Amino acid sequence: MITRSSTQRSLLLAGTFIAVLVAPPAFAQQSGDKPAAQPAAPSAAPDPSKPMPPLQPEPTTVPGRPDIPNAEVAKELRNVAPLPFGAPEDKLPIPQLKLPKSFKIEVYASGIPNARSLRLGDKGTVFVSNRILDKVYAIVDKNGKHETKVIASGLDRPNGLAFHKGTLYIAEGTRISKLENIEDNLDNPPKPVVIYSDFLNHQSHGWKFMALGPDNKLYVNVGSPCNICEPPATNGQIRRISLDGSGADVVARGVRNSVGFDWHPVTKEFYFTDNGRDWLSEDLPEDELNRVTKIGQHFGFPYCHQGNFTDRELGWGRSCNEFEKPVALLGPHSAALGMRFYTGKMFPSQYQNAIFIARHGSWNRTKKIGGDVIVVKLNKDGSVKSQEPFLTGFLQNNEYSGRPVDVQVMKDGSLLVSDDHAGAVYRVTYGSTKVAAR
């Protein structure tokens, strides 16, 4: 459990980022050339003492076309700020959560404000990131109970995590750093060592998601710095980088903001979620699940949304047939975030190699959707066979009691789910599996 005094020291920084979350978004457009073929050349050996790049201004509002609903409707579209300390364990929404028959859910850890990305260490440590605070946490098993430790602080939107051979990689707003041999030094963690810092600094979609690919490279999203605009050539993409920070190249383009991706366990094809633009309508566009079949493919942003709808500002003269189409649509403004292929043995066989996707939940709708975990099952050719609810109940009477962000398959086959609103991590099990100690 995290002490309240430790959390309070983060509130000044949290206030800044929460203000960004709840502020009305800007609406944007820049001149419409096609994206450049390559991003700016990365720095070969970033200087750890290098100051943070200047904050980039968000592109200007589209003249005469703000796409803002009337004042009465706008009152119902306020964003949902996370609880600053997380919810007390006895106030977490466990009793109202629903799962398929024979599945169970319990609290794995609580009191982790703004719990976001999840990664599993070789020795069983569960690492948890932040987006609006400055910390990275480690959940460890101590005498049969789960204990949470702060292993890094003073960071800038440390949302992205990856783990490889004892090293934890952390993607902040403008850089990637590493903590070597971290599981042996949780009580005295080293200072992060910067390996890459070739990112623009922007608040809109400026946080990063990161994962380790089957090629042992770091894959990281570089979000578009706007709601709808022609992004800079270095943005609106998913990039991959060698573990020493060298050799950056672009895996996918035309990506508005991906906050979750993973690789098919058999084919090794790369799948990612992407969040659609706001302020078009309540029902358009839908978030996407995409599949990369060739390095460098373009997935449509900002010209085409959901594979079949050209943008009304930037889509003129463009066709959705120019771009890769999503393999599934995940709901309008559902905020599909973290995803993992299920590779465990605990769940029934129909879940093997299926994708669990955390949908954070809409704010840009008067009638909310999402706030759940869905399961997407695939055909043998990698196309989508079905998608169905899995974990529901966080959304009640158009209000959220929790907002799922990421999922993590554990070594025993159970599934962890992070919740940045209530500041908790939950564990889903199947059958007669014994409930974990707290």
Protein backbone atom coordinates (compact mmCIF):
# COMPACT_ATOMS: atom_id res chain seq x y z
CA MET A 1 0.00 0.00 0.00
CA ILE A 2 1.31 3.47 -0.79
CA THR A 3 1.48 6.04 2.01
CA ARG A 4 -0.72 9.09 1.66
CA SER A 5 2.23 11.43 2.34
CA SER A 6 4.09 10.05 -0.67
CA THR A 7 1.08 10.62 -2.86
CA GLN A 8 0.51 14.16 -1.59
CA ARG A 9 3.98 15.19 -2.74
CA SER A 10 2.81 14.50 -6.29
CA LEU A 11 -0.33 16.63 -6.18
CA LEU A 12 1.24 19.85 -7.44
CA LEU A 13 2.42 18.03 -10.56
CA ALA A 14 -0.85 16.09 -10.78
CA GLY A 15 -2.86 19.29 -10.69
CA THR A 16 -1.09 20.54 -13.76
CA PHE A 17 -1.85 17.42 -15.76
CA ILE A 18 -5.42 17.02 -14.45
CA ALA A 19 -6.08 20.54 -15.63
CA VAL A 20 -4.99 19.44 -19.08
CA LEU A 21 -7.32 16.43 -18.89
CA VAL A 22 -10.44 18.37 -18.00
CA ALA A 23 -9.84 21.44 -20.11
CA PRO A 24 -11.85 21.71 -23.35
CA PRO A 25 -9.72 20.40 -26.23
CA ALA A 26 -8.49 22.64 -29.00
CA PHE A 27 -9.50 21.93 -32.59
CA ALA A 28 -6.94 21.98 -35.26
CA GLN A 29 -5.73 22.01 -38.83
CA GLN A 30 -2.46 22.71 -40.58
CA SER A 31 -1.59 22.86 -44.26
CA GLY A 32 -2.18 19.50 -45.90
CA ASP A 33 0.94 17.95 -47.43
CA LYS A 34 1.31 14.20 -47.28
CA PRO A 35 3.36 12.91 -44.32
CA ALA A 36 7.10 12.84 -44.92
CA ALA A 37 8.65 9.47 -45.66
CA GLN A 38 10.83 9.37 -42.55
CA PRO A 39 10.92 11.05 -39.11
CA ALA A 40 13.72 13.39 -38.15
CA ALA A 41 16.97 11.56 -37.53
CA PRO A 42 17.17 10.38 -33.91
CA SER A 43 19.94 11.41 -31.56
CA ALA A 44 22.54 8.66 -31.48
CA ALA A 45 23.58 9.20 -27.86
CA PRO A 46 21.21 11.47 -25.91
CA ASP A 47 22.70 13.49 -23.09
CA PRO A 48 20.89 12.60 -19.83
CA SER A 49 21.32 16.20 -18.67
CA LYS A 50 19.74 17.57 -21.83
CA PRO A 51 16.88 19.96 -20.91
CA MET A 52 13.33 19.04 -21.88
CA PRO A 53 12.41 20.33 -25.35
CA PRO A 54 10.15 23.41 -25.43
CA LEU A 55 6.43 22.72 -25.26
CA GLN A 56 4.91 22.69 -28.74
CA PRO A 57 1.78 24.84 -29.24
CA GLU A 58 -1.31 22.93 -30.32
CA PRO A 59 -2.28 23.70 -33.94
CA THR A 60 -4.81 26.48 -34.34
CA THR A 61 -8.57 26.10 -34.49
CA VAL A 62 -10.21 25.46 -37.85
CA PRO A 63 -11.67 28.86 -38.87
CA GLY A 64 -15.46 28.90 -38.75
CA ARG A 65 -15.70 25.16 -38.10
CA PRO A 66 -15.14 24.52 -34.39
CA ASP A 67 -17.34 21.38 -34.19
CA ILE A 68 -18.41 22.38 -30.69
CA PRO A 69 -21.91 21.35 -29.57
CA ASN A 70 -24.27 23.89 -28.06
CA ALA A 71 -23.79 24.97 -24.46
CA GLU A 72 -26.47 22.69 -23.02
CA VAL A 73 -24.99 19.58 -24.63
CA ALA A 74 -21.45 20.65 -23.76
CA LYS A 75 -22.34 20.51 -20.07
CA GLU A 76 -22.75 16.74 -20.45
CA LEU A 77 -19.38 16.26 -22.15
CA ARG A 78 -17.02 17.05 -19.31
CA ASN A 79 -14.05 14.75 -18.91
CA VAL A 80 -13.79 12.51 -15.86
CA ALA A 81 -10.82 13.30 -13.62
CA PRO A 82 -9.26 10.38 -11.73
CA LEU A 83 -9.52 10.25 -7.95
CA PRO A 84 -6.37 12.00 -6.64
CA PHE A 85 -5.53 9.27 -4.10
CA GLY A 86 -7.42 6.40 -5.69
CA ALA A 87 -10.46 4.86 -4.03
CA PRO A 88 -10.19 3.11 -0.65
CA GLU A 89 -10.17 -0.65 -1.13
CA ASP A 90 -13.61 -1.09 0.43
CA LYS A 91 -15.01 1.46 -2.05
CA LEU A 92 -13.72 -0.25 -5.19
CA PRO A 93 -16.50 -1.42 -7.52
CA ILE A 94 -15.87 -5.17 -7.22
CA PRO A 95 -19.49 -6.05 -6.22
CA GLN A 96 -20.95 -4.51 -9.39
CA LEU A 97 -18.45 -5.96 -11.87
CA LYS A 98 -19.66 -8.71 -14.21
CA LEU A 99 -17.76 -11.50 -15.97
CA PRO A 100 -18.72 -14.62 -17.94
CA LYS A 101 -19.72 -17.71 -15.94
CA SER A 102 -17.02 -19.25 -13.71
CA PHE A 103 -14.75 -16.18 -13.90
CA LYS A 104 -13.97 -14.25 -10.71
CA ILE A 105 -12.45 -10.85 -9.98
CA GLU A 106 -10.59 -9.57 -6.94
CA VAL A 107 -8.44 -6.60 -5.92
CA TYR A 108 -4.78 -7.27 -6.67
CA ALA A 109 -3.50 -3.89 -5.43
CA SER A 110 -5.09 -0.58 -4.44
CA GLY A 111 -3.98 2.93 -3.54
CA ILE A 112 -2.00 3.43 -6.78
CA PRO A 113 -3.19 6.82 -8.05
CA ASN A 114 -3.68 6.95 -11.83
CA ALA A 115 -2.58 3.32 -12.36
CA ARG A 116 -1.94 2.94 -16.10
CA SER A 117 0.34 0.58 -18.06
CA LEU A 118 1.18 -2.86 -16.66
CA ARG A 119 4.33 -4.91 -17.26
CA LEU A 120 5.50 -8.16 -15.70
CA GLY A 121 9.09 -8.72 -14.59
CA ASP A 122 10.97 -12.00 -14.83
CA LYS A 123 10.71 -12.54 -11.07
CA GLY A 124 7.00 -11.80 -10.83
CA THR A 125 7.12 -8.08 -10.09
CA VAL A 126 4.22 -6.14 -11.61
CA PHE A 127 5.25 -2.66 -12.74
CA VAL A 128 2.62 0.08 -12.96
CA SER A 129 2.97 3.46 -14.67
CA ASN A 130 1.33 6.90 -14.44
CA ARG A 131 0.12 9.36 -17.01
CA ILE A 132 -0.76 12.47 -15.00
CA LEU A 133 1.53 11.85 -12.03
CA ASP A 134 5.30 11.42 -11.98
CA LYS A 135 5.84 7.92 -10.61
CA VAL A 136 6.42 4.29 -11.56
CA TYR A 137 5.44 1.60 -9.06
CA ALA A 138 6.32 -2.02 -8.40
CA ILE A 139 3.89 -4.50 -6.87
CA VAL A 140 5.67 -7.35 -5.09
CA ASP A 141 4.58 -10.37 -3.11
CA LYS A 142 5.76 -10.08 0.50
CA ASN A 143 4.87 -12.82 2.96
CA GLY A 144 1.88 -13.80 0.86
CA LYS A 145 0.56 -10.24 0.53
CA HIS A 146 0.96 -7.63 -2.19
CA GLU A 147 3.03 -4.57 -1.37
CA THR A 148 3.49 -1.52 -3.60
CA LYS A 149 6.74 0.43 -3.83
CA VAL A 150 7.67 3.64 -5.68
CA ILE A 151 10.72 2.85 -7.84
CA ALA A 152 10.96 6.11 -9.82
CA SER A 153 9.58 9.62 -9.34
CA GLY A 154 9.96 13.12 -10.73
CA LEU A 155 9.22 11.82 -14.23
CA ASP A 156 7.28 13.46 -17.07
CA ARG A 157 4.10 11.49 -17.93
CA PRO A 158 5.78 8.07 -17.48
CA ASN A 159 2.97 6.13 -19.18
CA GLY A 160 4.89 3.60 -21.32
CA LEU A 161 6.67 0.55 -19.90
CA ALA A 162 8.59 -2.39 -21.36
CA PHE A 163 10.68 -5.08 -19.67
CA HIS A 164 13.57 -7.14 -21.05
CA LYS A 165 16.20 -9.28 -19.31
CA GLY A 166 16.03 -7.50 -15.98
CA THR A 167 15.75 -3.98 -17.37
CA LEU A 168 12.63 -1.83 -17.13
CA TYR A 169 12.24 0.74 -19.92
CA ILE A 170 10.13 3.84 -19.22
CA ALA A 171 8.67 6.04 -21.95
CA GLU A 172 8.04 9.59 -20.73
CA GLY A 173 6.66 12.51 -22.69
CA THR A 174 9.94 13.39 -24.40
CA ARG A 175 12.35 10.52 -23.73
CA ILE A 176 12.89 6.84 -22.98
CA SER A 177 15.00 5.76 -20.03
CA LYS A 178 15.92 2.47 -18.40
CA LEU A 179 16.35 0.98 -14.93
CA GLU A 180 18.78 -1.95 -15.08
CA ASN A 181 18.61 -4.97 -12.77
CA ILE A 182 15.56 -3.39 -11.21
CA GLU A 183 13.96 -6.45 -9.59
CA ASP A 184 17.06 -6.94 -7.43
CA ASN A 185 17.05 -3.27 -6.37
CA LEU A 186 13.43 -2.40 -5.67
CA ASP A 187 14.28 -0.95 -2.25
CA ASN A 188 17.19 1.07 -3.62
CA PRO A 189 16.42 1.63 -7.30
CA PRO A 190 18.99 3.24 -9.59
CA LYS A 191 18.36 6.55 -11.28
CA PRO A 192 16.86 6.24 -14.77
CA VAL A 193 19.40 6.35 -17.60
CA VAL A 194 18.16 8.10 -20.75
CA ILE A 195 18.60 6.12 -23.98
CA TYR A 196 16.45 8.14 -26.41
CA SER A 197 15.12 11.69 -26.48
CA ASP A 198 14.05 12.47 -30.04
CA PHE A 199 10.41 13.39 -29.34
CA LEU A 200 8.61 16.72 -29.61
CA ASN A 201 7.12 18.01 -26.36
CA HIS A 202 3.34 18.41 -26.57
CA GLN A 203 0.51 17.92 -24.10
CA SER A 204 -2.17 16.69 -26.51
CA HIS A 205 -1.44 12.96 -26.96
CA GLY A 206 2.09 13.58 -25.72
CA TRP A 207 2.26 10.56 -23.40
CA LYS A 208 3.65 7.31 -24.78
CA PHE A 209 2.71 3.63 -24.85
CA MET A 210 5.57 1.17 -25.28
CA ALA A 211 6.15 -2.57 -25.71
CA LEU A 212 8.96 -4.95 -26.52
CA GLY A 213 8.57 -6.59 -29.92
CA PRO A 214 9.50 -10.16 -30.92
CA ASP A 215 12.54 -8.59 -32.62
CA ASN A 216 13.72 -7.33 -29.19
CA LYS A 217 13.14 -3.71 -30.16
CA LEU A 218 11.13 -1.07 -28.34
CA TYR A 219 7.93 -0.03 -30.09
CA VAL A 220 6.49 3.32 -29.03
CA ASN A 221 3.58 5.45 -30.19
CA VAL A 222 4.20 9.08 -31.16
CA GLY A 223 0.74 10.62 -31.00
CA SER A 224 -0.68 13.40 -33.13
CA PRO A 225 -0.46 16.67 -31.14
CA CYS A 226 -4.07 17.66 -31.79
CA ASN A 227 -7.64 16.49 -32.12
CA ILE A 228 -7.62 16.81 -35.93
CA CYS A 229 -4.74 18.32 -37.90
CA GLU A 230 -1.95 17.55 -40.33
CA PRO A 231 0.58 16.30 -37.76
CA PRO A 232 4.31 17.02 -37.97
CA ALA A 233 6.26 14.46 -39.99
CA THR A 234 7.66 13.00 -36.75
CA ASN A 235 4.21 12.39 -35.24
CA GLY A 236 1.10 10.34 -35.92
CA GLN A 237 3.11 7.12 -36.05
CA ILE A 238 4.38 4.06 -34.21
CA ARG A 239 8.16 3.94 -34.07
CA ARG A 240 10.60 1.18 -33.17
CA ILE A 241 13.99 1.68 -31.57
CA SER A 242 16.88 -0.57 -30.64
CA LEU A 243 17.40 -1.21 -26.91
CA ASP A 244 20.38 1.17 -26.86
CA GLY A 245 18.28 3.99 -28.38
CA SER A 246 19.72 3.73 -31.89
CA GLY A 247 18.24 2.86 -35.28
CA ALA A 248 14.78 4.42 -35.02
CA ASP A 249 12.39 3.72 -37.88
CA VAL A 250 8.63 3.95 -38.51
CA VAL A 251 6.43 0.87 -38.32
CA ALA A 252 3.04 2.49 -38.96
CA ARG A 253 1.88 5.94 -40.09
CA GLY A 254 -1.47 7.70 -40.05
CA VAL A 255 -2.00 6.77 -36.40
CA ARG A 256 -3.83 9.38 -34.33
CA ASN A 257 -3.04 8.03 -30.86
CA SER A 258 -2.36 4.39 -30.09
CA VAL A 259 -2.26 3.50 -26.40
CA GLY A 260 -2.09 -0.27 -26.79
CA PHE A 261 -0.45 -2.86 -29.03
CA ASP A 262 0.77 -6.46 -29.06
CA TRP A 263 1.93 -9.24 -31.40
CA HIS A 264 0.01 -12.34 -32.45
CA PRO A 265 1.64 -15.28 -30.58
CA VAL A 266 1.71 -17.46 -33.71
CA THR A 267 2.02 -15.19 -36.76
CA LYS A 268 3.91 -12.40 -34.91
CA GLU A 269 1.79 -9.82 -36.77
CA PHE A 270 1.50 -6.46 -35.01
CA TYR A 271 -1.95 -5.30 -33.85
CA PHE A 272 -2.72 -1.91 -32.28
CA THR A 273 -5.65 0.12 -31.00
CA ASP A 274 -6.15 3.70 -32.20
CA ASN A 275 -8.39 6.43 -30.80
CA GLY A 276 -10.57 8.31 -33.32
CA ARG A 277 -10.98 12.07 -33.47
CA ASP A 278 -13.40 14.04 -31.28
CA TRP A 279 -15.97 16.74 -32.03
CA LEU A 280 -17.36 15.23 -35.21
CA SER A 281 -20.48 13.60 -33.74
CA GLU A 282 -21.47 11.33 -30.90
CA ASP A 283 -21.45 8.32 -33.19
CA LEU A 284 -18.51 9.07 -35.51
CA PRO A 285 -15.83 7.98 -35.76
CA GLU A 286 -15.30 4.66 -34.02
CA ASP A 287 -12.02 3.67 -32.42
CA GLU A 288 -10.04 1.07 -34.34
CA LEU A 289 -8.20 -2.21 -34.02
CA ASN A 290 -5.53 -2.33 -36.73
CA ARG A 291 -3.12 -4.94 -38.05
CA VAL A 292 0.27 -4.18 -39.62
CA THR A 293 1.10 -6.60 -42.43
CA LYS A 294 3.91 -4.51 -43.95
CA ILE A 295 6.28 -2.03 -42.31
CA GLY A 296 5.39 1.61 -42.99
CA GLN A 297 1.70 1.18 -43.82
CA HIS A 298 -0.53 4.26 -43.47
CA PHE A 299 -3.75 3.88 -41.45
CA GLY A 300 -5.55 7.01 -42.56
CA PHE A 301 -5.26 9.78 -39.98
CA PRO A 302 -6.03 12.65 -40.51
CA TYR A 303 -7.70 12.03 -43.88
CA CYS A 304 -9.80 8.91 -43.25
CA HIS A 305 -11.44 7.63 -40.08
CA GLN A 306 -12.60 4.09 -39.24
CA GLY A 307 -11.61 2.94 -42.73
CA ASN A 308 -14.65 4.34 -44.52
CA PHE A 309 -15.22 7.99 -43.55
CA THR A 310 -13.19 10.88 -44.95
CA ASP A 311 -12.60 13.80 -42.64
CA ARG A 312 -14.75 16.81 -43.47
CA GLU A 313 -11.83 19.26 -43.18
CA LEU A 314 -8.79 17.26 -44.25
CA GLY A 315 -10.37 14.49 -46.33
CA TRP A 316 -11.10 16.54 -49.45
CA GLY A 317 -9.42 14.98 -52.47
CA ARG A 318 -8.53 11.83 -50.54
CA SER A 319 -10.07 8.35 -50.57
CA CYS A 320 -10.20 5.83 -47.74
CA ASN A 321 -9.03 3.26 -50.30
CA GLU A 322 -5.58 4.88 -50.15
CA PHE A 323 -5.09 3.61 -46.61
CA GLU A 324 -5.09 0.41 -44.57
CA LYS A 325 -8.49 -0.41 -43.14
CA PRO A 326 -9.05 -1.48 -39.53
CA VAL A 327 -9.70 -5.13 -38.79
CA ALA A 328 -12.39 -4.13 -36.25
CA LEU A 329 -14.27 -1.06 -35.07
CA LEU A 330 -14.40 -0.70 -31.29
CA GLY A 331 -17.14 1.86 -30.68
CA PRO A 332 -17.37 5.65 -31.07
CA HIS A 333 -15.20 7.47 -28.54
CA SER A 334 -14.85 4.28 -26.48
CA ALA A 335 -11.15 5.09 -25.82
CA ALA A 336 -9.76 1.64 -26.61
CA LEU A 337 -6.39 1.53 -24.85
CA GLY A 338 -4.26 -1.37 -23.61
CA MET A 339 -4.49 -4.76 -25.31
CA ARG A 340 -2.82 -8.17 -24.98
CA PHE A 341 -3.13 -11.50 -26.71
CA TYR A 342 -4.10 -14.17 -24.21
CA THR A 343 -1.30 -16.73 -23.98
CA GLY A 344 -2.10 -18.26 -20.60
CA LYS A 345 -3.54 -21.69 -19.81
CA MET A 346 -6.02 -20.83 -17.04
CA PHE A 347 -8.90 -19.59 -19.22
CA PRO A 348 -10.96 -21.91 -21.47
CA SER A 349 -9.52 -22.80 -24.87
CA GLN A 350 -11.77 -20.38 -26.79
CA TYR A 351 -9.75 -17.53 -25.26
CA GLN A 352 -6.39 -18.83 -26.47
CA ASN A 353 -4.71 -16.21 -28.70
CA ALA A 354 -7.75 -13.91 -28.39
CA ILE A 355 -7.19 -10.21 -27.71
CA PHE A 356 -8.31 -8.59 -24.47
CA ILE A 357 -8.82 -4.83 -24.94
CA ALA A 358 -9.36 -2.29 -22.16
CA ARG A 359 -11.82 0.41 -23.21
CA HIS A 360 -11.27 3.41 -20.96
CA GLY A 361 -14.70 4.84 -21.76
CA SER A 362 -16.03 7.86 -23.60
CA TRP A 363 -16.15 11.42 -22.44
CA ASN A 364 -17.07 12.89 -25.84
CA ARG A 365 -20.60 11.42 -25.73
CA THR A 366 -23.66 12.37 -23.73
CA LYS A 367 -24.43 8.65 -23.34
CA LYS A 368 -21.19 7.02 -22.27
CA ILE A 369 -19.89 3.74 -23.68
CA GLY A 370 -16.86 1.65 -22.81
CA GLY A 371 -15.45 1.53 -19.32
CA ASP A 372 -14.97 -2.21 -19.79
CA VAL A 373 -12.75 -4.98 -21.13
CA ILE A 374 -13.81 -6.72 -24.33
CA VAL A 375 -12.44 -9.85 -25.96
CA VAL A 376 -11.77 -10.02 -29.70
CA LYS A 377 -11.45 -13.50 -31.22
CA LEU A 378 -9.64 -14.02 -34.51
CA ASN A 379 -9.90 -16.34 -37.47
CA LYS A 380 -6.87 -18.37 -38.53
CA ASP A 381 -6.03 -15.76 -41.18
CA GLY A 382 -5.82 -13.03 -38.54
CA SER A 383 -9.13 -11.37 -39.39
CA VAL A 384 -11.67 -10.73 -36.64
CA LYS A 385 -14.16 -13.50 -35.95
CA SER A 386 -16.07 -11.82 -33.10
CA GLN A 387 -15.90 -9.27 -30.33
CA GLU A 388 -17.87 -9.51 -27.12
CA PRO A 389 -18.02 -8.06 -23.60
CA PHE A 390 -15.79 -9.66 -21.00
CA LEU A 391 -15.50 -7.44 -17.90
CA THR A 392 -18.32 -4.91 -17.44
CA GLY A 393 -19.95 -2.89 -14.66
CA PHE A 394 -17.62 0.09 -14.28
CA LEU A 395 -20.23 2.22 -16.06
CA GLN A 396 -23.50 2.57 -14.14
CA ASN A 397 -26.23 5.16 -14.79
CA ASN A 398 -23.91 7.02 -17.17
CA GLU A 399 -21.25 7.41 -14.45
CA TYR A 400 -17.88 5.68 -14.06
CA SER A 401 -16.79 3.97 -10.85
CA GLY A 402 -13.63 2.83 -12.61
CA ARG A 403 -11.93 3.14 -16.00
CA PRO A 404 -9.85 0.23 -17.33
CA VAL A 405 -6.55 1.18 -18.99
CA ASP A 406 -4.34 -1.86 -19.52
CA VAL A 407 -4.33 -5.65 -19.20
CA GLN A 408 -1.52 -8.06 -18.38
CA VAL A 409 -1.44 -11.85 -18.64
CA MET A 410 0.27 -13.36 -15.58
CA LYS A 411 2.43 -16.48 -15.48
CA ASP A 412 -0.40 -18.50 -13.90
CA GLY A 413 -2.77 -17.45 -16.71
CA SER A 414 -4.78 -14.94 -14.68
CA LEU A 415 -5.39 -11.48 -16.14
CA LEU A 416 -4.61 -8.17 -14.44
CA VAL A 417 -6.59 -5.02 -15.29
CA SER A 418 -5.47 -1.51 -14.29
CA ASP A 419 -7.94 1.25 -13.40
CA ASP A 420 -6.60 4.82 -13.44
CA HIS A 421 -9.80 6.36 -12.06
CA ALA A 422 -10.01 4.31 -8.86
CA GLY A 423 -6.23 3.78 -8.62
CA ALA A 424 -6.33 -0.01 -8.52
CA VAL A 425 -5.24 -3.21 -10.23
CA TYR A 426 -7.69 -6.12 -10.40
CA ARG A 427 -7.06 -9.83 -11.00
CA VAL A 428 -9.39 -12.01 -13.08
CA THR A 429 -9.27 -15.79 -12.61
CA TYR A 430 -11.23 -18.76 -13.91
CA GLY A 431 -12.63 -21.82 -12.16
CA SER A 432 -11.57 -22.90 -8.69
CA THR A 433 -8.33 -20.89 -8.64
CA LYS A 434 -7.57 -19.76 -5.10
CA VAL A 435 -8.02 -16.04 -4.46
CA ALA A 436 -4.66 -14.33 -4.03
CA ALA A 437 -3.64 -13.07 -0.59
CA ARG A 438 -3.93 -9.35 0.08
